[in-house]
Amino acid sequence: MADPFEILKGTLRIAQVLEFYGVEVKRGNKALCPFHNDKNPSFAIYPEQNTWHCFGCKAGGTVIDFVMAYCDLDALEAAKKLDADFSLGLFGYGPSQGEVKSCLKHESRAKPIKVLLMLLKPT
């Protein structure tokens, strides 16, 4: 069986994931970093490599790394969350109550209604 982590990183585009979680990517593939108080866009996305990097807080990585940091999850939980949020069916999984609570504590940084509906939909 193919590695679900590689499938996620190869299937989901970083801009798509950022938009889903409420990070607005502006001209020049820049955004305000959701991980620190950013007044000037220091968060860059690299669509060709499907990665991101913040020059302010030095965080960066793949779509999985973003969800790990954004929702305070480990790699497996983040992969399962992406799988559920984007209905890929890699894990046959719905998020646990702990994952829902963890992500909802960041709801001011996300699109609250969209995230809540996606988290609560039956699997």
C-alpha atoms as a PDB file:
ATOM      1  CA  MET A   1       0.000   0.000   0.000  1.00  0.00           C
ATOM      2  CA  ALA A   2       1.197   3.510  -0.779  1.00  0.00           C
ATOM      3  CA  ASP A   3       2.368   5.747   2.059  1.00  0.00           C
ATOM      4  CA  PRO A   4      -0.593   7.966   3.084  1.00  0.00           C
ATOM      5  CA  PHE A   5       1.793  10.757   4.133  1.00  0.00           C
ATOM      6  CA  GLU A   6       3.257  10.894   0.634  1.00  0.00           C
ATOM      7  CA  ILE A   7      -0.207  10.717  -0.918  1.00  0.00           C
ATOM      8  CA  LEU A   8      -1.334  13.689   1.196  1.00  0.00           C
ATOM      9  CA  LYS A   9       1.760  15.724   0.329  1.00  0.00           C
ATOM     10  CA  GLY A  10       1.391  14.870  -3.348  1.00  0.00           C
ATOM     11  CA  THR A  11      -2.369  15.379  -3.590  1.00  0.00           C
ATOM     12  CA  LEU A  12      -3.104  18.439  -1.462  1.00  0.00           C
ATOM     13  CA  ARG A  13      -1.735  21.764  -2.649  1.00  0.00           C
ATOM     14  CA  ILE A  14      -0.357  24.065   0.050  1.00  0.00           C
ATOM     15  CA  ALA A  15      -2.484  27.022  -1.133  1.00  0.00           C
ATOM     16  CA  GLN A  16      -5.610  24.839  -0.950  1.00  0.00           C
ATOM     17  CA  VAL A  17      -4.826  23.756   2.623  1.00  0.00           C
ATOM     18  CA  LEU A  18      -4.008  27.301   3.751  1.00  0.00           C
ATOM     19  CA  GLU A  19      -7.249  28.618   2.284  1.00  0.00           C
ATOM     20  CA  PHE A  20      -9.240  25.853   3.988  1.00  0.00           C
ATOM     21  CA  TYR A  21      -7.829  26.890   7.369  1.00  0.00           C
ATOM     22  CA  GLY A  22      -8.420  30.592   6.739  1.00  0.00           C
ATOM     23  CA  VAL A  23      -4.941  31.797   5.805  1.00  0.00           C
ATOM     24  CA  GLU A  24      -5.308  34.338   3.011  1.00  0.00           C
ATOM     25  CA  VAL A  25      -2.478  34.069   0.504  1.00  0.00           C
ATOM     26  CA  LYS A  26      -1.877  37.382  -1.207  1.00  0.00           C
ATOM     27  CA  ARG A  27       0.007  38.502  -4.255  1.00  0.00           C
ATOM     28  CA  GLY A  28       3.498  37.097  -4.487  1.00  0.00           C
ATOM     29  CA  ASN A  29       2.489  33.957  -2.555  1.00  0.00           C
ATOM     30  CA  LYS A  30       2.803  35.780   0.792  1.00  0.00           C
ATOM     31  CA  ALA A  31       0.539  35.777   3.846  1.00  0.00           C
ATOM     32  CA  LEU A  32       0.440  36.960   7.423  1.00  0.00           C
ATOM     33  CA  CYS A  33       1.816  34.150   9.548  1.00  0.00           C
ATOM     34  CA  PRO A  34      -0.874  32.455  11.664  1.00  0.00           C
ATOM     35  CA  PHE A  35       1.747  31.366  14.223  1.00  0.00           C
ATOM     36  CA  HIS A  36       2.900  34.751  15.497  1.00  0.00           C
ATOM     37  CA  ASN A  37       1.797  38.391  15.552  1.00  0.00           C
ATOM     38  CA  ASP A  38       2.697  39.301  11.983  1.00  0.00           C
ATOM     39  CA  LYS A  39       2.140  42.869  10.736  1.00  0.00           C
ATOM     40  CA  ASN A  40       3.883  42.409   7.404  1.00  0.00           C
ATOM     41  CA  PRO A  41       3.540  39.218   5.381  1.00  0.00           C
ATOM     42  CA  SER A  42       6.481  37.007   6.328  1.00  0.00           C
ATOM     43  CA  PHE A  43       4.795  33.700   5.480  1.00  0.00           C
ATOM     44  CA  ALA A  44       5.752  32.511   2.004  1.00  0.00           C
ATOM     45  CA  ILE A  45       4.407  29.598   0.032  1.00  0.00           C
ATOM     46  CA  TYR A  46       6.328  27.783  -2.662  1.00  0.00           C
ATOM     47  CA  PRO A  47       3.773  26.128  -4.972  1.00  0.00           C
ATOM     48  CA  GLU A  48       6.449  24.376  -7.060  1.00  0.00           C
ATOM     49  CA  GLN A  49       7.779  22.546  -4.001  1.00  0.00           C
ATOM     50  CA  ASN A  50       4.354  22.494  -2.281  1.00  0.00           C
ATOM     51  CA  THR A  51       5.899  23.925   0.900  1.00  0.00           C
ATOM     52  CA  TRP A  52       5.729  27.003   3.116  1.00  0.00           C
ATOM     53  CA  HIS A  53       8.158  28.982   5.258  1.00  0.00           C
ATOM     54  CA  CYS A  54       7.822  31.900   7.674  1.00  0.00           C
ATOM     55  CA  PHE A  55      10.784  34.234   7.732  1.00  0.00           C
ATOM     56  CA  GLY A  56       9.588  35.706  11.042  1.00  0.00           C
ATOM     57  CA  CYS A  57       9.246  32.619  13.247  1.00  0.00           C
ATOM     58  CA  LYS A  58      11.318  30.275  11.039  1.00  0.00           C
ATOM     59  CA  ALA A  59       8.543  27.642  10.872  1.00  0.00           C
ATOM     60  CA  GLY A  60       8.014  25.797   7.611  1.00  0.00           C
ATOM     61  CA  GLY A  61       7.361  22.530   5.877  1.00  0.00           C
ATOM     62  CA  THR A  62       4.666  20.572   4.067  1.00  0.00           C
ATOM     63  CA  VAL A  63       0.876  20.521   4.296  1.00  0.00           C
ATOM     64  CA  ILE A  64       1.214  18.013   7.154  1.00  0.00           C
ATOM     65  CA  ASP A  65       3.666  20.252   9.019  1.00  0.00           C
ATOM     66  CA  PHE A  66       1.247  23.172   8.670  1.00  0.00           C
ATOM     67  CA  VAL A  67      -1.662  21.238  10.209  1.00  0.00           C
ATOM     68  CA  MET A  68       0.614  19.898  12.951  1.00  0.00           C
ATOM     69  CA  ALA A  69       1.544  23.445  13.970  1.00  0.00           C
ATOM     70  CA  TYR A  70      -1.850  25.037  13.324  1.00  0.00           C
ATOM     71  CA  CYS A  71      -3.912  22.476  15.263  1.00  0.00           C
ATOM     72  CA  ASP A  72      -1.221  21.367  17.739  1.00  0.00           C
ATOM     73  CA  LEU A  73      -1.251  17.745  16.548  1.00  0.00           C
ATOM     74  CA  ASP A  74       1.393  15.094  15.992  1.00  0.00           C
ATOM     75  CA  ALA A  75       2.184  13.952  12.442  1.00  0.00           C
ATOM     76  CA  LEU A  76      -0.238  11.021  12.384  1.00  0.00           C
ATOM     77  CA  GLU A  77      -3.103  13.068  13.848  1.00  0.00           C
ATOM     78  CA  ALA A  78      -2.410  15.866  11.342  1.00  0.00           C
ATOM     79  CA  ALA A  79      -2.391  13.401   8.440  1.00  0.00           C
ATOM     80  CA  LYS A  80      -5.668  11.888   9.615  1.00  0.00           C
ATOM     81  CA  LYS A  81      -7.179  15.348  10.012  1.00  0.00           C
ATOM     82  CA  LEU A  82      -6.190  16.340   6.473  1.00  0.00           C
ATOM     83  CA  ASP A  83      -7.577  13.043   5.215  1.00  0.00           C
ATOM     84  CA  ALA A  84     -10.909  13.715   6.954  1.00  0.00           C
ATOM     85  CA  ASP A  85     -11.070  17.433   6.085  1.00  0.00           C
ATOM     86  CA  PHE A  86     -10.493  16.798   2.387  1.00  0.00           C
ATOM     87  CA  SER A  87     -12.480  13.532   2.274  1.00  0.00           C
ATOM     88  CA  LEU A  88      -9.669  11.485   0.773  1.00  0.00           C
ATOM     89  CA  GLY A  89     -10.527   8.209   2.532  1.00  0.00           C
ATOM     90  CA  LEU A  90      -6.925   7.207   3.190  1.00  0.00           C
ATOM     91  CA  PHE A  91      -7.500   6.340   6.840  1.00  0.00           C
ATOM     92  CA  GLY A  92     -11.288   5.789   6.947  1.00  0.00           C
ATOM     93  CA  TYR A  93     -11.195   8.196   9.824  1.00  0.00           C
ATOM     94  CA  GLY A  94     -13.116  10.934  11.618  1.00  0.00           C
ATOM     95  CA  PRO A  95     -11.386  13.291  14.076  1.00  0.00           C
ATOM     96  CA  SER A  96     -11.429  12.526  17.791  1.00  0.00           C
ATOM     97  CA  GLN A  97     -13.056  14.885  20.277  1.00  0.00           C
ATOM     98  CA  GLY A  98      -9.556  15.968  21.371  1.00  0.00           C
ATOM     99  CA  GLU A  99      -8.627  16.905  17.815  1.00  0.00           C
ATOM    100  CA  VAL A 100     -11.861  18.836  17.372  1.00  0.00           C
ATOM    101  CA  LYS A 101     -11.245  20.757  20.616  1.00  0.00           C
ATOM    102  CA  SER A 102      -7.598  21.390  19.733  1.00  0.00           C
ATOM    103  CA  CYS A 103      -8.438  22.865  16.353  1.00  0.00           C
ATOM    104  CA  LEU A 104     -11.447  24.813  17.629  1.00  0.00           C
ATOM    105  CA  LYS A 105      -9.271  26.632  20.161  1.00  0.00           C
ATOM    106  CA  HIS A 106      -7.633  28.203  17.093  1.00  0.00           C
ATOM    107  CA  GLU A 107     -10.985  29.068  15.510  1.00  0.00           C
ATOM    108  CA  SER A 108     -10.247  32.779  15.491  1.00  0.00           C
ATOM    109  CA  ARG A 109      -7.515  32.011  12.958  1.00  0.00           C
ATOM    110  CA  ALA A 110      -9.683  29.706  10.855  1.00  0.00           C
ATOM    111  CA  LYS A 111     -12.947  29.931   8.998  1.00  0.00           C
ATOM    112  CA  PRO A 112     -14.961  28.796  12.027  1.00  0.00           C
ATOM    113  CA  ILE A 113     -18.167  27.613  10.382  1.00  0.00           C
ATOM    114  CA  LYS A 114     -16.447  25.786   7.531  1.00  0.00           C
ATOM    115  CA  VAL A 115     -13.973  24.068   9.872  1.00  0.00           C
ATOM    116  CA  LEU A 116     -16.671  23.115  12.368  1.00  0.00           C
ATOM    117  CA  LEU A 117     -18.897  21.647   9.679  1.00  0.00           C
ATOM    118  CA  MET A 118     -16.029  19.652   8.206  1.00  0.00           C
ATOM    119  CA  LEU A 119     -15.003  18.350  11.646  1.00  0.00           C
ATOM    120  CA  LEU A 120     -18.504  17.330  12.614  1.00  0.00           C
ATOM    121  CA  LYS A 121     -19.584  15.673   9.383  1.00  0.00           C
ATOM    122  CA  PRO A 122     -20.172  11.927   9.722  1.00  0.00           C
ATOM    123  CA  THR A 123     -17.575   9.597   8.257  1.00  0.00           C
END
